[in-house]
C-alpha cells in the first residue's frame, strides 16, 4: 500500500493514489476514487460515486455524497456542506442524482454550502459561509447568501493605474491595458449650453468598422453578463449611463476596468475573455461589434478558451 490510512480511519476503497493521507475517523466507501497526494482530514465521509483528482485537500467535517467530482488541486475547507438532492424526503431516493463538478484549483471556504447539480469553475474562490445556489464562473470570487460575485482572482484593478493616465492625457488618448490588445480610450467631449456631447470616430479612435451594436440595461446588480470570448469579433464598449466593472482576460493576465463615463471607451479584441458585473441600477452599456451575430463565434467555456489561446503559456508584449 503506497498511501497512508490512520489506524482509526476506515478506507474501503482500493482506487487510492500514491502519497494520499487519510486521517482518523474518515470513512471512504468502496467505489470512491481518490487521486495522488490528497489529504483527507479527520471526520470526512466520502460516498461511492465520488471522484477526487490529485493533490486535493478535504478538511475536517466534510461529507462528499454520490454525484460529486472534484478535479486536481482543489481545497475544501472545514465543514463545507455539499448536497445531492434539492428536495430530499426520508426514504425517498432520486432516480437520477444531479452531478456537481468542482474544477481544478478551486477553493471552497469553511462552512460554505454547495447546492446540487452545479459547476464551480477552475480557480474560483468560494468565501466562508457562502450559500452557492448556481454555477460559478472560472476565477470568480463569491460570498454571501445567496452567493454573488464580488471580484475575480488575480485581476489587476485598473483605477490606480489607468485613470490617472487618462485624466492627465489630452482628449482622444489611448491607454494600453495589461491584457493583450485591450485599450482604454478617452473620447472627445464637447460642452455646450444645449448639453454635452461625447464622440468617437470609427476608423480613427475606434479601430474597426461596426456591423452591429447592442445595449445592455436593466441588469440587476447581482447578475453577471458576458462570461465568454469571441473567436473573430472585436468589440468597443461605452457606458453611456451608470457604471459597470469589466474584467478582461487573455489567458495569462486578467484586469478589471471600471466604465462609468460616456467619454471612456474600452476596445476588446477577439480572443479575449470578457466578464461584466457590478452594474449600477441605471446602467446603459452600449457595445459596438465588428461582425454580425454568429453563435459559432462564441467560446463559452473558460477551459476551451484556455486551450485555444494557450493559457498561461502565452508570452506577449504589453508595451
Protein backbone atom coordinates (compact mmCIF):
# COMPACT_ATOMS: atom_id res chain seq x y z
CA UNK A 1 0.00 0.00 0.00
CA UNK A 2 1.59 3.28 -1.16
CA UNK A 3 -0.79 5.58 0.74
CA UNK A 4 -1.44 6.20 4.44
CA UNK A 5 -4.58 5.38 6.42
CA UNK A 6 -4.70 6.29 10.09
CA UNK A 7 -5.42 3.28 12.35
CA UNK A 8 -8.74 4.87 13.29
CA UNK A 9 -9.70 5.71 9.69
CA UNK A 10 -11.86 3.44 7.50
CA UNK A 11 -10.88 3.14 3.85
CA UNK A 12 -12.90 0.54 1.93
CA UNK A 13 -11.83 1.86 -1.48
CA UNK A 14 -8.91 0.43 -3.43
CA UNK A 15 -8.55 3.24 -6.02
CA UNK A 16 -6.35 5.45 -3.85
CA UNK A 17 -3.41 7.34 -5.36
CA UNK A 18 0.17 7.23 -4.19
CA UNK A 19 1.06 9.53 -1.33
CA UNK A 20 -2.53 10.21 -0.24
CA UNK A 21 -3.10 10.57 3.53
CA UNK A 22 -6.38 9.53 5.17
CA UNK A 23 -6.70 10.59 8.80
CA UNK A 24 -8.61 9.48 11.90
CA UNK A 25 -12.36 8.86 11.75
CA UNK A 26 -12.52 9.42 7.99
CA UNK A 27 -14.66 6.88 6.11
CA UNK A 28 -14.31 6.21 2.37
CA UNK A 29 -16.77 3.82 0.70
CA UNK A 30 -15.61 1.08 -1.69
CA UNK A 31 -16.23 2.62 -5.14
CA UNK A 32 -14.85 6.08 -4.45
CA UNK A 33 -11.79 7.17 -6.42
CA UNK A 34 -9.08 9.26 -4.76
CA UNK A 35 -6.08 10.70 -6.65
CA UNK A 36 -2.44 11.13 -5.68
CA UNK A 37 -1.09 13.22 -2.78
CA UNK A 38 -4.53 14.05 -1.40
CA UNK A 39 -5.08 14.97 2.24
CA UNK A 40 -8.34 13.64 3.71
CA UNK A 41 -8.67 15.05 7.20
CA UNK A 42 -10.50 13.84 10.33
CA UNK A 43 -14.24 13.10 10.21
CA UNK A 44 -14.55 13.21 6.41
CA UNK A 45 -17.10 10.91 4.74
CA UNK A 46 -16.79 10.06 1.03
CA UNK A 47 -19.59 8.11 -0.66
CA UNK A 48 -19.28 5.64 -3.57
CA UNK A 49 -19.94 7.77 -6.66
CA UNK A 50 -17.30 10.34 -5.81
CA UNK A 51 -14.09 11.11 -7.69
CA UNK A 52 -11.22 13.23 -6.37
CA UNK A 53 -8.29 14.31 -8.52
CA UNK A 54 -4.69 14.73 -7.45
CA UNK A 55 -3.48 16.98 -4.60
CA UNK A 56 -6.98 17.61 -3.25
CA UNK A 57 -7.32 18.77 0.36
CA UNK A 58 -10.54 17.94 2.21
CA UNK A 59 -10.55 19.48 5.68
CA UNK A 60 -12.34 18.15 8.76
CA UNK A 61 -16.09 17.60 8.89
CA UNK A 62 -16.83 17.43 5.13
CA UNK A 63 -19.18 14.92 3.52
CA UNK A 64 -18.90 14.21 -0.21
CA UNK A 65 -22.03 12.47 -1.49
CA UNK A 66 -22.73 10.48 -4.64
CA UNK A 67 -22.55 12.56 -7.83
CA UNK A 68 -19.61 14.78 -6.87
CA UNK A 69 -16.46 15.13 -8.96
CA UNK A 70 -13.53 17.16 -7.64
CA UNK A 71 -10.66 17.90 -10.00
CA UNK A 72 -6.96 18.43 -9.25
CA UNK A 73 -5.59 20.88 -6.66
CA UNK A 74 -8.95 21.74 -5.08
CA UNK A 75 -9.17 22.92 -1.46
CA UNK A 76 -12.36 22.15 0.51
CA UNK A 77 -12.47 23.95 3.84
CA UNK A 78 -13.71 22.57 7.18
CA UNK A 79 -17.41 21.81 7.48
CA UNK A 80 -18.19 22.79 3.89
CA UNK A 81 -21.52 21.15 3.04
CA UNK A 82 -22.49 19.52 -0.25
CA UNK A 83 -25.97 18.34 -1.19
CA UNK A 84 -27.04 15.98 -3.97
CA UNK A 85 -30.81 16.26 -3.56
CA UNK A 86 -32.58 19.60 -3.93
CA UNK A 87 -35.83 18.36 -2.35
CA UNK A 88 -34.98 15.45 -0.02
CA UNK A 89 -37.57 13.23 1.64
CA UNK A 90 -36.90 10.47 4.14
CA UNK A 91 -36.86 7.01 2.48
CA UNK A 92 -37.43 8.53 -0.98
CA UNK A 93 -34.46 8.22 -3.30
CA UNK A 94 -33.76 10.04 -6.55
CA UNK A 95 -33.74 8.06 -9.78
CA UNK A 96 -31.08 10.38 -11.21
CA UNK A 97 -28.54 12.10 -8.97
CA UNK A 98 -27.53 15.57 -10.18
CA UNK A 99 -23.82 15.95 -10.93
CA UNK A 100 -21.75 18.50 -9.07
CA UNK A 101 -18.34 19.42 -10.50
CA UNK A 102 -15.58 21.34 -8.73
CA UNK A 103 -12.98 22.19 -11.33
CA UNK A 104 -9.24 22.31 -10.82
CA UNK A 105 -7.59 24.74 -8.40
CA UNK A 106 -10.90 25.97 -6.95
CA UNK A 107 -11.15 26.73 -3.22
CA UNK A 108 -14.23 26.35 -1.02
CA UNK A 109 -14.17 28.20 2.28
CA UNK A 110 -15.15 26.90 5.70
CA UNK A 111 -18.86 26.32 6.20
CA UNK A 112 -19.86 27.06 2.61
CA UNK A 113 -23.00 25.32 1.31
CA UNK A 114 -22.95 23.95 -2.23
CA UNK A 115 -26.33 23.08 -3.76
CA UNK A 116 -26.58 20.07 -6.10
CA UNK A 117 -26.05 19.99 -9.84
CA UNK A 118 -23.76 23.00 -10.22
CA UNK A 119 -20.25 23.60 -11.52
CA UNK A 120 -17.65 25.58 -9.64
CA UNK A 121 -15.23 26.83 -12.27
CA UNK A 122 -11.48 26.43 -12.17
CA UNK A 123 -9.57 28.74 -9.86
CA UNK A 124 -12.83 30.06 -8.37
CA UNK A 125 -12.87 31.13 -4.72
CA UNK A 126 -15.95 30.41 -2.57
CA UNK A 127 -15.97 32.52 0.59
CA UNK A 128 -16.50 31.06 4.05
CA UNK A 129 -20.20 30.58 4.81
CA UNK A 130 -21.34 31.30 1.25
CA UNK A 131 -24.53 29.62 0.04
CA UNK A 132 -23.86 28.70 -3.59
CA UNK A 133 -27.14 28.25 -5.45
CA UNK A 134 -25.86 28.29 -9.05
CA UNK A 135 -22.78 27.58 -11.12
CA UNK A 136 -19.74 29.79 -10.52
CA UNK A 137 -17.59 31.04 -13.39
CA UNK A 138 -13.88 30.28 -13.51
CA UNK A 139 -11.79 32.73 -11.42
CA UNK A 140 -14.82 34.29 -9.73
CA UNK A 141 -14.80 35.20 -6.03
CA UNK A 142 -18.25 34.69 -4.47
CA UNK A 143 -19.56 35.37 -0.97
CA UNK A 144 -22.86 35.75 0.84
CA UNK A 145 -26.31 34.15 0.94
CA UNK A 146 -27.16 33.64 -1.83
CA UNK A 147 -23.59 33.81 -3.08
CA UNK A 148 -22.79 36.59 -5.54
CA UNK A 149 -19.67 37.63 -7.40
CA UNK A 150 -17.59 40.27 -5.58
CA UNK A 151 -14.41 40.06 -7.64
CA UNK A 152 -12.08 37.92 -9.73
CA UNK A 153 -8.93 36.11 -8.65
CA UNK A 154 -5.65 37.76 -9.73
CA UNK A 155 -7.45 40.59 -11.57
CA UNK A 156 -5.37 43.78 -11.51
CA UNK A 157 -7.57 46.73 -10.53
CA UNK A 158 -7.30 49.43 -13.15
CA UNK A 159 -8.33 52.69 -11.37
CA UNK A 160 -4.99 53.29 -9.65
CA UNK A 161 -3.09 52.69 -12.88
CA UNK A 162 -5.31 53.70 -15.80
CA UNK A 163 -7.49 56.56 -14.64
CA UNK A 164 -4.65 58.95 -13.66
CA UNK A 165 -3.12 58.38 -17.10
CA UNK A 166 -6.39 59.24 -18.82
CA UNK A 167 -7.03 62.22 -16.57
CA UNK A 168 -3.68 63.78 -17.41
CA UNK A 169 -3.81 62.92 -21.12
CA UNK A 170 -5.25 65.06 -23.89
CA UNK A 171 -8.57 64.19 -25.48
CA UNK A 172 -8.64 61.11 -27.69
CA UNK A 173 -5.86 59.50 -25.62
CA UNK A 174 -5.40 55.73 -25.60
CA UNK A 175 -4.00 53.69 -22.67
CA UNK A 176 -2.92 50.07 -23.09
CA UNK A 177 -4.34 47.58 -20.63
CA UNK A 178 -2.19 44.84 -19.13
CA UNK A 179 -4.22 42.33 -21.15
CA UNK A 180 -3.00 41.79 -24.70
CA UNK A 181 -4.63 44.10 -27.26
CA UNK A 182 -7.14 45.71 -24.88
CA UNK A 183 -7.10 49.53 -24.84
CA UNK A 184 -8.99 52.16 -22.85
CA UNK A 185 -9.88 55.27 -24.87
CA UNK A 186 -10.62 58.79 -23.73
CA UNK A 187 -13.19 60.06 -26.22
CA UNK A 188 -13.74 63.66 -27.21
CA UNK A 189 -16.06 65.71 -25.01
CA UNK A 190 -17.82 68.75 -26.40
CA UNK A 191 -19.53 71.03 -23.88
CA UNK A 192 -22.40 73.25 -24.94
CA UNK A 193 -25.16 75.26 -23.27
CA UNK A 194 -27.59 72.92 -25.02
CA UNK A 195 -25.97 69.87 -23.43
CA UNK A 196 -22.70 67.98 -23.60
CA UNK A 197 -21.54 65.58 -26.32
CA UNK A 198 -19.15 62.62 -26.29
CA UNK A 199 -17.94 61.40 -29.67
CA UNK A 200 -15.74 58.65 -31.09
CA UNK A 201 -14.99 58.03 -34.76
CA UNK A 202 -14.71 54.54 -36.19
CA UNK A 203 -11.51 54.02 -38.12
CA UNK A 204 -9.84 56.76 -36.04
CA UNK A 205 -10.28 56.41 -32.29
CA UNK A 206 -12.12 53.11 -32.67
CA UNK A 207 -10.06 50.60 -34.67
CA UNK A 208 -12.78 48.84 -36.72
CA UNK A 209 -15.95 49.47 -38.69
CA UNK A 210 -19.02 48.23 -36.78
CA UNK A 211 -21.51 45.79 -38.25
CA UNK A 212 -23.94 45.89 -35.31
CA UNK A 213 -24.50 47.35 -31.88
CA UNK A 214 -26.43 46.32 -28.81
CA UNK A 215 -27.26 47.93 -25.47
CA UNK A 216 -27.25 46.23 -22.07
CA UNK A 217 -29.54 47.76 -19.45
CA UNK A 218 -31.84 46.94 -16.51
CA UNK A 219 -29.29 44.41 -15.20
CA UNK A 220 -29.77 43.53 -11.51
CA UNK A 221 -26.65 44.38 -9.52
CA UNK A 222 -26.17 40.73 -8.52
CA UNK A 223 -26.06 39.48 -12.13
CA UNK A 224 -23.02 38.78 -14.28
CA UNK A 225 -23.03 39.22 -18.06
CA UNK A 226 -20.56 38.22 -20.75
CA UNK A 227 -18.58 35.21 -19.48
CA UNK A 228 -17.35 34.35 -22.95
CA UNK A 229 -14.77 35.11 -25.61
CA UNK A 230 -15.24 35.70 -29.34
CA UNK A 231 -13.09 33.94 -31.92
CA UNK A 232 -13.01 36.72 -34.54
CA UNK A 233 -15.32 39.56 -33.50
CA UNK A 234 -13.92 42.77 -31.96
CA UNK A 235 -15.96 44.96 -29.59
CA UNK A 236 -15.95 48.53 -28.31
CA UNK A 237 -17.78 49.27 -25.05
CA UNK A 238 -19.10 52.63 -23.89
CA UNK A 239 -21.06 53.05 -20.66
CA UNK A 240 -23.35 55.93 -21.60
CA UNK A 241 -25.08 55.93 -18.24
CA UNK A 242 -24.33 54.49 -14.78
CA UNK A 243 -21.36 52.18 -14.32
CA UNK A 244 -20.18 48.61 -14.55
CA UNK A 245 -16.98 46.66 -13.97
CA UNK A 246 -15.36 44.89 -16.91
CA UNK A 247 -12.91 42.01 -16.47
CA UNK A 248 -10.74 41.21 -19.49
CA UNK A 249 -8.54 38.10 -19.66
CA UNK A 250 -6.14 36.87 -22.35
CA UNK A 251 -5.39 33.53 -20.69
CA UNK A 252 -2.28 34.83 -18.95
CA UNK A 253 -3.32 38.15 -17.42
CA UNK A 254 -6.55 39.48 -16.03
CA UNK A 255 -7.51 43.13 -15.46
CA UNK A 256 -10.62 44.77 -14.03
CA UNK A 257 -11.64 48.12 -15.51
CA UNK A 258 -14.47 50.38 -14.36
CA UNK A 259 -16.55 52.07 -17.06
CA UNK A 260 -18.50 54.96 -15.56
CA UNK A 261 -18.23 57.83 -18.03
CA UNK A 262 -19.55 58.26 -21.60
CA UNK A 263 -16.20 59.79 -22.58
CA UNK A 264 -14.44 56.47 -21.89
CA UNK A 265 -14.50 53.53 -24.29
CA UNK A 266 -12.95 50.08 -23.99
CA UNK A 267 -11.66 48.22 -27.03
CA UNK A 268 -11.75 44.41 -26.66
CA UNK A 269 -10.06 42.40 -29.42
CA UNK A 270 -11.03 38.89 -30.49
CA UNK A 271 -9.90 36.01 -28.26
CA UNK A 272 -10.34 37.97 -25.04
CA UNK A 273 -12.42 36.50 -22.22
CA UNK A 274 -14.92 39.19 -21.18
CA UNK A 275 -16.97 39.44 -17.99
CA UNK A 276 -19.30 42.29 -16.94
CA UNK A 277 -20.57 42.74 -13.39
CA UNK A 278 -21.34 45.24 -10.59
CA UNK A 279 -23.93 47.05 -12.71
CA UNK A 280 -25.38 50.22 -11.21
CA UNK A 281 -29.18 50.29 -11.29
CA UNK A 282 -29.32 52.91 -14.05
CA UNK A 283 -26.54 51.50 -16.25
CA UNK A 284 -26.81 51.57 -20.03
CA UNK A 285 -23.82 49.90 -21.69
CA UNK A 286 -23.53 50.28 -25.47
CA UNK A 287 -21.45 47.69 -27.33
CA UNK A 288 -20.31 48.05 -30.95
CA UNK A 289 -19.26 44.83 -32.71
CA UNK A 290 -17.18 44.29 -35.82
CA UNK A 291 -19.33 41.40 -37.09
CA UNK A 292 -22.93 40.26 -37.29
CA UNK A 293 -24.14 37.94 -34.55
CA UNK A 294 -22.84 34.41 -35.06
CA UNK A 295 -23.34 31.89 -32.23
CA UNK A 296 -20.48 29.76 -33.56
CA UNK A 297 -18.07 32.65 -32.88
CA UNK A 298 -18.65 32.38 -29.12
CA UNK A 299 -16.41 30.43 -26.73
CA UNK A 300 -18.50 29.88 -23.61
CA UNK A 301 -16.34 27.52 -21.54
CA UNK A 302 -13.24 29.02 -19.95
CA UNK A 303 -11.26 25.80 -20.25
CA UNK A 304 -11.96 25.76 -24.01
CA UNK A 305 -10.74 29.35 -24.22
CA UNK A 306 -7.51 28.46 -22.42
CA UNK A 307 -6.95 25.52 -24.74
CA UNK A 308 -7.38 27.72 -27.81
CA UNK A 309 -5.25 30.63 -26.62
CA UNK A 310 -2.52 28.60 -24.98
CA UNK A 311 -3.45 29.63 -21.43
CA UNK A 312 -0.71 30.68 -19.08
CA UNK A 313 1.93 29.51 -21.54
CA UNK A 314 1.33 32.58 -23.68
CA UNK A 315 4.01 35.26 -23.87
CA UNK A 316 3.27 38.73 -25.08
CA UNK A 317 4.48 42.31 -25.11
CA UNK A 318 2.25 44.72 -23.22
CA UNK A 319 4.29 47.72 -24.23
